[in-house]
Amino acid sequence: MVGGLGETVVEGLAVPAHLFVRSGKLIGRQFLLGEPVTLGRSPDNVIHLDDQKVSRHHARIEGGDGRYFIEDLGSSNGTTVNGQLINQKTALQIGDQIAIGSTLFELMN
């Protein structure tokens, strides 16, 4: 059964969405969303992207109650959602594709 945006309900429990890597060095990996997730070239990010096109602290995904938002953290090369460069906190939906450097993610439940 599907709950709210970005959320699947399994026997009354909300299951967080995840990011699936469609292309890039981490292809095939999945990252569960829950607490705020930072993405960037620095190893202290939740998702470490070893890519010179990615800023040290490039973007952050946060949310709760089945709603997720992405924000570019002032990166040099930008973050795109479904091919559109974002410049403010942007709501995500299941199926959205997020490009950061050479990595393409898809938001899945």
PDB file of N, CA and C in Angstrom:
ATOM      1  N   MET A   1       0.849  -1.184   0.000  1.00  0.00           N
ATOM      2  CA  MET A   1       0.000   0.000   0.000  1.00  0.00           C
ATOM      3  C   MET A   1       0.888   1.238   0.000  1.00  0.00           C
ATOM      4  N   VAL A   2       0.535   2.233  -0.763  1.00  0.00           N
ATOM      5  CA  VAL A   2       1.336   3.446  -0.857  1.00  0.00           C
ATOM      6  C   VAL A   2       0.742   4.503   0.052  1.00  0.00           C
ATOM      7  N   GLY A   3       1.611   5.163   0.821  1.00  0.00           N
ATOM      8  CA  GLY A   3       1.185   6.235   1.717  1.00  0.00           C
ATOM      9  C   GLY A   3       1.338   7.571   1.015  1.00  0.00           C
ATOM     10  N   GLY A   4       1.805   8.581   1.762  1.00  0.00           N
ATOM     11  CA  GLY A   4       1.998   9.918   1.218  1.00  0.00           C
ATOM     12  C   GLY A   4       3.178   9.968   0.267  1.00  0.00           C
ATOM     13  N   LEU A   5       3.455  11.134  -0.235  1.00  0.00           N
ATOM     14  CA  LEU A   5       4.534  11.354  -1.186  1.00  0.00           C
ATOM     15  C   LEU A   5       5.842  10.786  -0.670  1.00  0.00           C
ATOM     16  N   GLY A   6       6.462   9.920  -1.455  1.00  0.00           N
ATOM     17  CA  GLY A   6       7.767   9.388  -1.096  1.00  0.00           C
ATOM     18  C   GLY A   6       7.727   8.369   0.022  1.00  0.00           C
ATOM     19  N   GLU A   7       6.561   7.802   0.307  1.00  0.00           N
ATOM     20  CA  GLU A   7       6.451   6.907   1.452  1.00  0.00           C
ATOM     21  C   GLU A   7       5.660   5.661   1.053  1.00  0.00           C
ATOM     22  N   THR A   8       6.118   4.520   1.495  1.00  0.00           N
ATOM     23  CA  THR A   8       5.387   3.286   1.320  1.00  0.00           C
ATOM     24  C   THR A   8       4.964   2.810   2.694  1.00  0.00           C
ATOM     25  N   VAL A   9       3.738   2.344   2.834  1.00  0.00           N
ATOM     26  CA  VAL A   9       3.258   1.852   4.111  1.00  0.00           C
ATOM     27  C   VAL A   9       3.221   0.338   4.054  1.00  0.00           C
ATOM     28  N   VAL A  10       3.912  -0.313   4.987  1.00  0.00           N
ATOM     29  CA  VAL A  10       3.946  -1.761   5.074  1.00  0.00           C
ATOM     30  C   VAL A  10       3.367  -2.145   6.426  1.00  0.00           C
ATOM     31  N   GLU A  11       2.202  -2.787   6.408  1.00  0.00           N
ATOM     32  CA  GLU A  11       1.545  -3.210   7.648  1.00  0.00           C
ATOM     33  C   GLU A  11       1.516  -2.091   8.679  1.00  0.00           C
ATOM     34  N   GLY A  12       1.124  -0.894   8.249  1.00  0.00           N
ATOM     35  CA  GLY A  12       0.973   0.224   9.161  1.00  0.00           C
ATOM     36  C   GLY A  12       2.248   0.977   9.479  1.00  0.00           C
ATOM     37  N   LEU A  13       3.388   0.539   8.945  1.00  0.00           N
ATOM     38  CA  LEU A  13       4.659   1.221   9.209  1.00  0.00           C
ATOM     39  C   LEU A  13       5.114   1.965   7.963  1.00  0.00           C
ATOM     40  N   ALA A  14       5.562   3.200   8.135  1.00  0.00           N
ATOM     41  CA  ALA A  14       6.081   3.967   7.012  1.00  0.00           C
ATOM     42  C   ALA A  14       7.505   3.497   6.703  1.00  0.00           C
ATOM     43  N   VAL A  15       7.769   3.224   5.434  1.00  0.00           N
ATOM     44  CA  VAL A  15       9.098   2.812   4.987  1.00  0.00           C
ATOM     45  C   VAL A  15       9.679   3.980   4.185  1.00  0.00           C
ATOM     46  N   PRO A  16      10.830   4.522   4.591  1.00  0.00           N
ATOM     47  CA  PRO A  16      11.397   5.668   3.880  1.00  0.00           C
ATOM     48  C   PRO A  16      11.754   5.325   2.434  1.00  0.00           C
ATOM     49  N   ALA A  17      11.761   6.352   1.612  1.00  0.00           N
ATOM     50  CA  ALA A  17      12.185   6.215   0.232  1.00  0.00           C
ATOM     51  C   ALA A  17      13.700   6.043   0.189  1.00  0.00           C
ATOM     52  N   HIS A  18      14.225   5.763  -0.999  1.00  0.00           N
ATOM     53  CA  HIS A  18      15.673   5.646  -1.150  1.00  0.00           C
ATOM     54  C   HIS A  18      16.104   6.223  -2.485  1.00  0.00           C
ATOM     55  N   LEU A  19      17.394   6.523  -2.564  1.00  0.00           N
ATOM     56  CA  LEU A  19      18.003   6.969  -3.815  1.00  0.00           C
ATOM     57  C   LEU A  19      18.674   5.772  -4.457  1.00  0.00           C
ATOM     58  N   PHE A  20      18.383   5.552  -5.730  1.00  0.00           N
ATOM     59  CA  PHE A  20      19.007   4.487  -6.502  1.00  0.00           C
ATOM     60  C   PHE A  20      19.925   5.143  -7.518  1.00  0.00           C
ATOM     61  N   VAL A  21      21.172   4.688  -7.612  1.00  0.00           N
ATOM     62  CA  VAL A  21      22.140   5.288  -8.532  1.00  0.00           C
ATOM     63  C   VAL A  21      21.965   4.650  -9.906  1.00  0.00           C
ATOM     64  N   ARG A  22      21.528   5.451 -10.879  1.00  0.00           N
ATOM     65  CA  ARG A  22      21.301   5.004 -12.256  1.00  0.00           C
ATOM     66  C   ARG A  22      22.576   5.032 -13.097  1.00  0.00           C
ATOM     67  N   SER A  23      23.467   5.998 -12.821  1.00  0.00           N
ATOM     68  CA  SER A  23      24.732   6.066 -13.566  1.00  0.00           C
ATOM     69  C   SER A  23      25.779   6.779 -12.728  1.00  0.00           C
ATOM     70  N   GLY A  24      27.033   6.527 -13.049  1.00  0.00           N
ATOM     71  CA  GLY A  24      28.139   7.096 -12.288  1.00  0.00           C
ATOM     72  C   GLY A  24      28.932   5.994 -11.608  1.00  0.00           C
ATOM     73  N   LYS A  25      29.937   6.386 -10.848  1.00  0.00           N
ATOM     74  CA  LYS A  25      30.827   5.418 -10.189  1.00  0.00           C
ATOM     75  C   LYS A  25      30.106   4.504  -9.210  1.00  0.00           C
ATOM     76  N   LEU A  26      28.981   4.947  -8.646  1.00  0.00           N
ATOM     77  CA  LEU A  26      28.260   4.159  -7.644  1.00  0.00           C
ATOM     78  C   LEU A  26      27.056   3.425  -8.233  1.00  0.00           C
ATOM     79  N   ILE A  27      27.040   3.233  -9.547  1.00  0.00           N
ATOM     80  CA  ILE A  27      25.880   2.640 -10.228  1.00  0.00           C
ATOM     81  C   ILE A  27      25.409   1.364  -9.527  1.00  0.00           C
ATOM     82  N   GLY A  28      24.097   1.283  -9.353  1.00  0.00           N
ATOM     83  CA  GLY A  28      23.493   0.127  -8.716  1.00  0.00           C
ATOM     84  C   GLY A  28      23.346   0.231  -7.205  1.00  0.00           C
ATOM     85  N   ARG A  29      24.018   1.178  -6.571  1.00  0.00           N
ATOM     86  CA  ARG A  29      23.919   1.333  -5.109  1.00  0.00           C
ATOM     87  C   ARG A  29      22.597   2.008  -4.750  1.00  0.00           C
ATOM     88  N   GLN A  30      22.155   1.768  -3.526  1.00  0.00           N
ATOM     89  CA  GLN A  30      20.944   2.385  -2.998  1.00  0.00           C
ATOM     90  C   GLN A  30      21.259   3.026  -1.657  1.00  0.00           C
ATOM     91  N   PHE A  31      20.643   4.172  -1.423  1.00  0.00           N
ATOM     92  CA  PHE A  31      20.843   4.900  -0.172  1.00  0.00           C
ATOM     93  C   PHE A  31      19.488   5.226   0.430  1.00  0.00           C
ATOM     94  N   LEU A  32      19.234   4.722   1.625  1.00  0.00           N
ATOM     95  CA  LEU A  32      17.979   4.939   2.323  1.00  0.00           C
ATOM     96  C   LEU A  32      17.903   6.386   2.802  1.00  0.00           C
ATOM     97  N   LEU A  33      16.741   7.001   2.637  1.00  0.00           N
ATOM     98  CA  LEU A  33      16.536   8.366   3.128  1.00  0.00           C
ATOM     99  C   LEU A  33      15.837   8.306   4.475  1.00  0.00           C
ATOM    100  N   GLY A  34      16.242   9.152   5.348  1.00  0.00           N
ATOM    101  CA  GLY A  34      15.656   9.222   6.681  1.00  0.00           C
ATOM    102  C   GLY A  34      16.076  10.537   7.287  1.00  0.00           C
ATOM    103  N   GLU A  35      17.170  10.505   8.037  1.00  0.00           N
ATOM    104  CA  GLU A  35      17.772  11.737   8.553  1.00  0.00           C
ATOM    105  C   GLU A  35      18.259  12.546   7.351  1.00  0.00           C
ATOM    106  N   PRO A  36      18.564  13.835   7.529  1.00  0.00           N
ATOM    107  CA  PRO A  36      19.100  14.594   6.397  1.00  0.00           C
ATOM    108  C   PRO A  36      20.317  13.888   5.797  1.00  0.00           C
ATOM    109  N   VAL A  37      20.345  13.847   4.473  1.00  0.00           N
ATOM    110  CA  VAL A  37      21.419  13.188   3.732  1.00  0.00           C
ATOM    111  C   VAL A  37      22.189  14.255   2.980  1.00  0.00           C
ATOM    112  N   THR A  38      23.498  14.333   3.236  1.00  0.00           N
ATOM    113  CA  THR A  38      24.343  15.261   2.501  1.00  0.00           C
ATOM    114  C   THR A  38      25.077  14.493   1.406  1.00  0.00           C
ATOM    115  N   LEU A  39      25.277  15.165   0.292  1.00  0.00           N
ATOM    116  CA  LEU A  39      25.969  14.574  -0.855  1.00  0.00           C
ATOM    117  C   LEU A  39      27.097  15.505  -1.250  1.00  0.00           C
ATOM    118  N   GLY A  40      28.268  14.953  -1.514  1.00  0.00           N
ATOM    119  CA  GLY A  40      29.392  15.779  -1.921  1.00  0.00           C
ATOM    120  C   GLY A  40      30.683  15.012  -2.012  1.00  0.00           C
ATOM    121  N   ARG A  41      31.732  15.708  -2.410  1.00  0.00           N
ATOM    122  CA  ARG A  41      33.048  15.112  -2.625  1.00  0.00           C
ATOM    123  C   ARG A  41      33.801  14.833  -1.329  1.00  0.00           C
ATOM    124  N   SER A  42      33.488  15.568  -0.257  1.00  0.00           N
ATOM    125  CA  SER A  42      34.162  15.369   1.023  1.00  0.00           C
ATOM    126  C   SER A  42      33.708  14.046   1.645  1.00  0.00           C
ATOM    127  N   PRO A  43      34.647  13.274   2.221  1.00  0.00           N
ATOM    128  CA  PRO A  43      34.288  11.995   2.837  1.00  0.00           C
ATOM    129  C   PRO A  43      33.332  12.105   4.025  1.00  0.00           C
ATOM    130  N   ASP A  44      33.134  13.313   4.582  1.00  0.00           N
ATOM    131  CA  ASP A  44      32.223  13.436   5.723  1.00  0.00           C
ATOM    132  C   ASP A  44      30.748  13.519   5.310  1.00  0.00           C
ATOM    133  N   ASN A  45      30.444  13.455   4.022  1.00  0.00           N
ATOM    134  CA  ASN A  45      29.063  13.422   3.548  1.00  0.00           C
ATOM    135  C   ASN A  45      28.476  12.029   3.730  1.00  0.00           C
ATOM    136  N   VAL A  46      27.165  11.944   3.880  1.00  0.00           N
ATOM    137  CA  VAL A  46      26.494  10.650   3.961  1.00  0.00           C
ATOM    138  C   VAL A  46      26.711   9.888   2.656  1.00  0.00           C
ATOM    139  N   ILE A  47      26.578  10.591   1.520  1.00  0.00           N
ATOM    140  CA  ILE A  47      26.865   9.992   0.212  1.00  0.00           C
ATOM    141  C   ILE A  47      28.090  10.694  -0.346  1.00  0.00           C
ATOM    142  N   HIS A  48      29.205   9.975  -0.332  1.00  0.00           N
ATOM    143  CA  HIS A  48      30.488  10.504  -0.802  1.00  0.00           C
ATOM    144  C   HIS A  48      30.598  10.254  -2.304  1.00  0.00           C
ATOM    145  N   LEU A  49      30.731  11.335  -3.080  1.00  0.00           N
ATOM    146  CA  LEU A  49      30.843  11.248  -4.530  1.00  0.00           C
ATOM    147  C   LEU A  49      32.243  11.671  -4.937  1.00  0.00           C
ATOM    148  N   ASP A  50      33.073  10.710  -5.302  1.00  0.00           N
ATOM    149  CA  ASP A  50      34.456  10.969  -5.704  1.00  0.00           C
ATOM    150  C   ASP A  50      34.454  11.430  -7.161  1.00  0.00           C
ATOM    151  N   ASP A  51      34.220  12.731  -7.357  1.00  0.00           N
ATOM    152  CA  ASP A  51      34.024  13.295  -8.689  1.00  0.00           C
ATOM    153  C   ASP A  51      34.453  14.759  -8.630  1.00  0.00           C
ATOM    154  N   GLN A  52      35.365  15.167  -9.492  1.00  0.00           N
ATOM    155  CA  GLN A  52      35.865  16.544  -9.485  1.00  0.00           C
ATOM    156  C   GLN A  52      34.796  17.567  -9.882  1.00  0.00           C
ATOM    157  N   LYS A  53      33.691  17.111 -10.486  1.00  0.00           N
ATOM    158  CA  LYS A  53      32.592  18.011 -10.853  1.00  0.00           C
ATOM    159  C   LYS A  53      31.660  18.286  -9.673  1.00  0.00           C
ATOM    160  N   VAL A  54      31.907  17.612  -8.550  1.00  0.00           N
ATOM    161  CA  VAL A  54      31.062  17.721  -7.367  1.00  0.00           C
ATOM    162  C   VAL A  54      31.772  18.564  -6.315  1.00  0.00           C
ATOM    163  N   SER A  55      31.052  19.494  -5.712  1.00  0.00           N
ATOM    164  CA  SER A  55      31.616  20.318  -4.641  1.00  0.00           C
ATOM    165  C   SER A  55      31.783  19.491  -3.371  1.00  0.00           C
ATOM    166  N   ARG A  56      32.632  19.972  -2.462  1.00  0.00           N
ATOM    167  CA  ARG A  56      32.877  19.237  -1.212  1.00  0.00           C
ATOM    168  C   ARG A  56      31.584  18.956  -0.467  1.00  0.00           C
ATOM    169  N   HIS A  57      30.726  19.948  -0.347  1.00  0.00           N
ATOM    170  CA  HIS A  57      29.402  19.800   0.261  1.00  0.00           C
ATOM    171  C   HIS A  57      28.416  20.346  -0.767  1.00  0.00           C
ATOM    172  N   HIS A  58      27.910  19.471  -1.599  1.00  0.00           N
ATOM    173  CA  HIS A  58      27.192  19.848  -2.818  1.00  0.00           C
ATOM    174  C   HIS A  58      25.690  20.053  -2.609  1.00  0.00           C
ATOM    175  N   ALA A  59      25.029  19.077  -1.971  1.00  0.00           N
ATOM    176  CA  ALA A  59      23.567  19.145  -1.830  1.00  0.00           C
ATOM    177  C   ALA A  59      23.126  18.415  -0.571  1.00  0.00           C
ATOM    178  N   ARG A  60      21.863  18.678  -0.167  1.00  0.00           N
ATOM    179  CA  ARG A  60      21.297  18.010   1.006  1.00  0.00           C
ATOM    180  C   ARG A  60      19.857  17.620   0.673  1.00  0.00           C
ATOM    181  N   ILE A  61      19.488  16.412   1.092  1.00  0.00           N
ATOM    182  CA  ILE A  61      18.104  15.951   0.979  1.00  0.00           C
ATOM    183  C   ILE A  61      17.598  15.742   2.400  1.00  0.00           C
ATOM    184  N   GLU A  62      16.447  16.313   2.685  1.00  0.00           N
ATOM    185  CA  GLU A  62      15.862  16.146   4.011  1.00  0.00           C
ATOM    186  C   GLU A  62      14.360  16.010   3.863  1.00  0.00           C
ATOM    187  N   GLY A  63      13.743  15.577   4.917  1.00  0.00           N
ATOM    188  CA  GLY A  63      12.293  15.456   4.879  1.00  0.00           C
ATOM    189  C   GLY A  63      11.793  14.592   5.999  1.00  0.00           C
ATOM    190  N   GLY A  64      10.557  14.301   5.902  1.00  0.00           N
ATOM    191  CA  GLY A  64       9.895  13.471   6.879  1.00  0.00           C
ATOM    192  C   GLY A  64       8.434  13.355   6.508  1.00  0.00           C
ATOM    193  N   ASP A  65       7.749  12.450   7.144  1.00  0.00           N
ATOM    194  CA  ASP A  65       6.338  12.220   6.851  1.00  0.00           C
ATOM    195  C   ASP A  65       6.106  11.970   5.367  1.00  0.00           C
ATOM    196  N   GLY A  66       7.070  11.298   4.723  1.00  0.00           N
ATOM    197  CA  GLY A  66       6.909  10.944   3.319  1.00  0.00           C
ATOM    198  C   GLY A  66       7.160  12.060   2.336  1.00  0.00           C
ATOM    199  N   ARG A  67       7.630  13.208   2.799  1.00  0.00           N
ATOM    200  CA  ARG A  67       7.938  14.336   1.897  1.00  0.00           C
ATOM    201  C   ARG A  67       9.435  14.585   1.940  1.00  0.00           C
ATOM    202  N   TYR A  68      10.036  14.735   0.775  1.00  0.00           N
ATOM    203  CA  TYR A  68      11.473  14.950   0.695  1.00  0.00           C
ATOM    204  C   TYR A  68      11.749  16.205  -0.125  1.00  0.00           C
ATOM    205  N   PHE A  69      12.811  16.903   0.275  1.00  0.00           N
ATOM    206  CA  PHE A  69      13.220  18.130  -0.394  1.00  0.00           C
ATOM    207  C   PHE A  69      14.721  18.069  -0.633  1.00  0.00           C
ATOM    208  N   ILE A  70      15.153  18.618  -1.762  1.00  0.00           N
ATOM    209  CA  ILE A  70      16.585  18.704  -2.056  1.00  0.00           C
ATOM    210  C   ILE A  70      16.960  20.177  -2.136  1.00  0.00           C
ATOM    211  N   GLU A  71      18.173  20.459  -1.688  1.00  0.00           N
ATOM    212  CA  GLU A  71      18.692  21.824  -1.725  1.00  0.00           C
ATOM    213  C   GLU A  71      20.139  21.777  -2.166  1.00  0.00           C
ATOM    214  N   ASP A  72      20.481  22.597  -3.169  1.00  0.00           N
ATOM    215  CA  ASP A  72      21.875  22.743  -3.573  1.00  0.00           C
ATOM    216  C   ASP A  72      22.545  23.638  -2.537  1.00  0.00           C
ATOM    217  N   LEU A  73      23.745  23.270  -2.110  1.00  0.00           N
ATOM    218  CA  LEU A  73      24.436  24.007  -1.045  1.00  0.00           C
ATOM    219  C   LEU A  73      25.442  25.014  -1.593  1.00  0.00           C
ATOM    220  N   GLY A  74      25.107  25.653  -2.722  1.00  0.00           N
ATOM    221  CA  GLY A  74      25.997  26.648  -3.320  1.00  0.00           C
ATOM    222  C   GLY A  74      27.118  26.014  -4.119  1.00  0.00           C
ATOM    223  N   SER A  75      26.847  24.857  -4.697  1.00  0.00           N
ATOM    224  CA  SER A  75      27.869  24.134  -5.461  1.00  0.00           C
ATOM    225  C   SER A  75      28.301  24.922  -6.695  1.00  0.00           C
ATOM    226  N   SER A  76      29.474  24.595  -7.200  1.00  0.00           N
ATOM    227  CA  SER A  76      29.997  25.265  -8.393  1.00  0.00           C
ATOM    228  C   SER A  76      29.263  24.843  -9.662  1.00  0.00           C
ATOM    229  N   ASN A  77      28.915  23.559  -9.777  1.00  0.00           N
ATOM    230  CA  ASN A  77      28.334  23.045 -11.015  1.00  0.00           C
ATOM    231  C   ASN A  77      26.838  22.778 -10.944  1.00  0.00           C
ATOM    232  N   GLY A  78      26.227  23.010  -9.801  1.00  0.00           N
ATOM    233  CA  GLY A  78      24.778  22.905  -9.685  1.00  0.00           C
ATOM    234  C   GLY A  78      24.256  21.491  -9.516  1.00  0.00           C
ATOM    235  N   THR A  79      22.967  21.434  -9.231  1.00  0.00           N
ATOM    236  CA  THR A  79      22.219  20.197  -9.035  1.00  0.00           C
ATOM    237  C   THR A  79      20.989  20.290  -9.913  1.00  0.00           C
ATOM    238  N   THR A  80      20.670  19.197 -10.628  1.00  0.00           N
ATOM    239  CA  THR A  80      19.466  19.218 -11.442  1.00  0.00           C
ATOM    240  C   THR A  80      18.476  18.168 -10.961  1.00  0.00           C
ATOM    241  N   VAL A  81      17.203  18.504 -11.089  1.00  0.00           N
ATOM    242  CA  VAL A  81      16.100  17.581 -10.813  1.00  0.00           C
ATOM    243  C   VAL A  81      15.304  17.494 -12.107  1.00  0.00           C
ATOM    244  N   ASN A  82      15.241  16.288 -12.654  1.00  0.00           N
ATOM    245  CA  ASN A  82      14.552  16.058 -13.929  1.00  0.00           C
ATOM    246  C   ASN A  82      15.051  17.001 -15.023  1.00  0.00           C
ATOM    247  N   GLY A  83      16.367  17.231 -15.039  1.00  0.00           N
ATOM    248  CA  GLY A  83      16.994  18.052 -16.073  1.00  0.00           C
ATOM    249  C   GLY A  83      16.935  19.543 -15.832  1.00  0.00           C
ATOM    250  N   GLN A  84      16.292  19.983 -14.757  1.00  0.00           N
ATOM    251  CA  GLN A  84      16.173  21.405 -14.460  1.00  0.00           C
ATOM    252  C   GLN A  84      17.109  21.789 -13.320  1.00  0.00           C
ATOM    253  N   LEU A  85      17.946  22.787 -13.557  1.00  0.00           N
ATOM    254  CA  LEU A  85      18.848  23.288 -12.527  1.00  0.00           C
ATOM    255  C   LEU A  85      18.014  23.906 -11.406  1.00  0.00           C
ATOM    256  N   ILE A  86      18.310  23.514 -10.154  1.00  0.00           N
ATOM    257  CA  ILE A  86      17.553  24.072  -9.029  1.00  0.00           C
ATOM    258  C   ILE A  86      18.359  25.169  -8.350  1.00  0.00           C
ATOM    259  N   ASN A  87      17.659  26.179  -7.818  1.00  0.00           N
ATOM    260  CA  ASN A  87      18.343  27.258  -7.094  1.00  0.00           C
ATOM    261  C   ASN A  87      17.665  27.556  -5.768  1.00  0.00           C
ATOM    262  N   GLN A  88      16.756  26.682  -5.359  1.00  0.00           N
ATOM    263  CA  GLN A  88      16.097  26.804  -4.056  1.00  0.00           C
ATOM    264  C   GLN A  88      15.692  25.414  -3.599  1.00  0.00           C
ATOM    265  N   LYS A  89      15.271  25.295  -2.345  1.00  0.00           N
ATOM    266  CA  LYS A  89      14.813  24.008  -1.832  1.00  0.00           C
ATOM    267  C   LYS A  89      13.662  23.548  -2.719  1.00  0.00           C
ATOM    268  N   THR A  90      13.765  22.309  -3.201  1.00  0.00           N
ATOM    269  CA  THR A  90      12.829  21.785  -4.186  1.00  0.00           C
ATOM    270  C   THR A  90      12.209  20.484  -3.702  1.00  0.00           C
ATOM    271  N   ALA A  91      10.886  20.374  -3.783  1.00  0.00           N
ATOM    272  CA  ALA A  91      10.178  19.155  -3.391  1.00  0.00           C
ATOM    273  C   ALA A  91      10.494  18.046  -4.392  1.00  0.00           C
ATOM    274  N   LEU A  92      10.632  16.833  -3.870  1.00  0.00           N
ATOM    275  CA  LEU A  92      10.896  15.665  -4.704  1.00  0.00           C
ATOM    276  C   LEU A  92       9.692  14.743  -4.692  1.00  0.00           C
ATOM    277  N   GLN A  93       9.543  14.000  -5.792  1.00  0.00           N
ATOM    278  CA  GLN A  93       8.507  12.985  -5.902  1.00  0.00           C
ATOM    279  C   GLN A  93       9.152  11.689  -6.340  1.00  0.00           C
ATOM    280  N   ILE A  94       8.502  10.578  -6.026  1.00  0.00           N
ATOM    281  CA  ILE A  94       8.999   9.279  -6.470  1.00  0.00           C
ATOM    282  C   ILE A  94       9.153   9.315  -7.990  1.00  0.00           C
ATOM    283  N   GLY A  95      10.290   8.833  -8.472  1.00  0.00           N
ATOM    284  CA  GLY A  95      10.576   8.820  -9.898  1.00  0.00           C
ATOM    285  C   GLY A  95      11.432   9.984 -10.361  1.00  0.00           C
ATOM    286  N   ASP A  96      11.569  11.017  -9.517  1.00  0.00           N
ATOM    287  CA  ASP A  96      12.418  12.151  -9.900  1.00  0.00           C
ATOM    288  C   ASP A  96      13.857  11.694 -10.083  1.00  0.00           C
ATOM    289  N   GLN A  97      14.527  12.307 -11.063  1.00  0.00           N
ATOM    290  CA  GLN A  97      15.936  12.014 -11.299  1.00  0.00           C
ATOM    291  C   GLN A  97      16.763  13.223 -10.903  1.00  0.00           C
ATOM    292  N   ILE A  98      17.811  12.953 -10.126  1.00  0.00           N
ATOM    293  CA  ILE A  98      18.682  13.988  -9.575  1.00  0.00           C
ATOM    294  C   ILE A  98      20.078  13.771 -10.129  1.00  0.00           C
ATOM    295  N   ALA A  99      20.627  14.801 -10.767  1.00  0.00           N
ATOM    296  CA  ALA A  99      21.985  14.712 -11.306  1.00  0.00           C
ATOM    297  C   ALA A  99      22.909  15.616 -10.504  1.00  0.00           C
ATOM    298  N   ILE A 100      23.999  15.003 -10.025  1.00  0.00           N
ATOM    299  CA  ILE A 100      25.048  15.719  -9.300  1.00  0.00           C
ATOM    300  C   ILE A 100      26.365  15.246  -9.902  1.00  0.00           C
ATOM    301  N   GLY A 101      27.078  16.148 -10.572  1.00  0.00           N
ATOM    302  CA  GLY A 101      28.298  15.735 -11.268  1.00  0.00           C
ATOM    303  C   GLY A 101      27.956  14.673 -12.295  1.00  0.00           C
ATOM    304  N   SER A 102      28.715  13.573 -12.317  1.00  0.00           N
ATOM    305  CA  SER A 102      28.440  12.489 -13.273  1.00  0.00           C
ATOM    306  C   SER A 102      27.519  11.421 -12.711  1.00  0.00           C
ATOM    307  N   THR A 103      26.934  11.659 -11.546  1.00  0.00           N
ATOM    308  CA  THR A 103      26.064  10.664 -10.925  1.00  0.00           C
ATOM    309  C   THR A 103      24.600  11.037 -11.131  1.00  0.00           C
ATOM    310  N   LEU A 104      23.818  10.048 -11.569  1.00  0.00           N
ATOM    311  CA  LEU A 104      22.383  10.230 -11.734  1.00  0.00           C
ATOM    312  C   LEU A 104      21.675   9.316 -10.738  1.00  0.00           C
ATOM    313  N   PHE A 105      20.851   9.924  -9.883  1.00  0.00           N
ATOM    314  CA  PHE A 105      20.057   9.201  -8.882  1.00  0.00           C
ATOM    315  C   PHE A 105      18.598   9.204  -9.309  1.00  0.00           C
ATOM    316  N   GLU A 106      17.857   8.208  -8.835  1.00  0.00           N
ATOM    317  CA  GLU A 106      16.398   8.220  -8.979  1.00  0.00           C
ATOM    318  C   GLU A 106      15.799   8.001  -7.602  1.00  0.00           C
ATOM    319  N   LEU A 107      14.799   8.807  -7.256  1.00  0.00           N
ATOM    320  CA  LEU A 107      14.104   8.647  -5.984  1.00  0.00           C
ATOM    321  C   LEU A 107      13.078   7.526  -6.143  1.00  0.00           C
ATOM    322  N   MET A 108      13.209   6.502  -5.300  1.00  0.00           N
ATOM    323  CA  MET A 108      12.340   5.330  -5.387  1.00  0.00           C
ATOM    324  C   MET A 108      11.767   5.012  -4.010  1.00  0.00           C
ATOM    325  N   ASN A 109      10.672   4.235  -4.003  1.00  0.00           N
ATOM    326  CA  ASN A 109      10.153   3.766  -2.717  1.00  0.00           C
ATOM    327  C   ASN A 109      10.249   2.277  -2.634  1.00  0.00           C
TER     328      ASN A 109
END
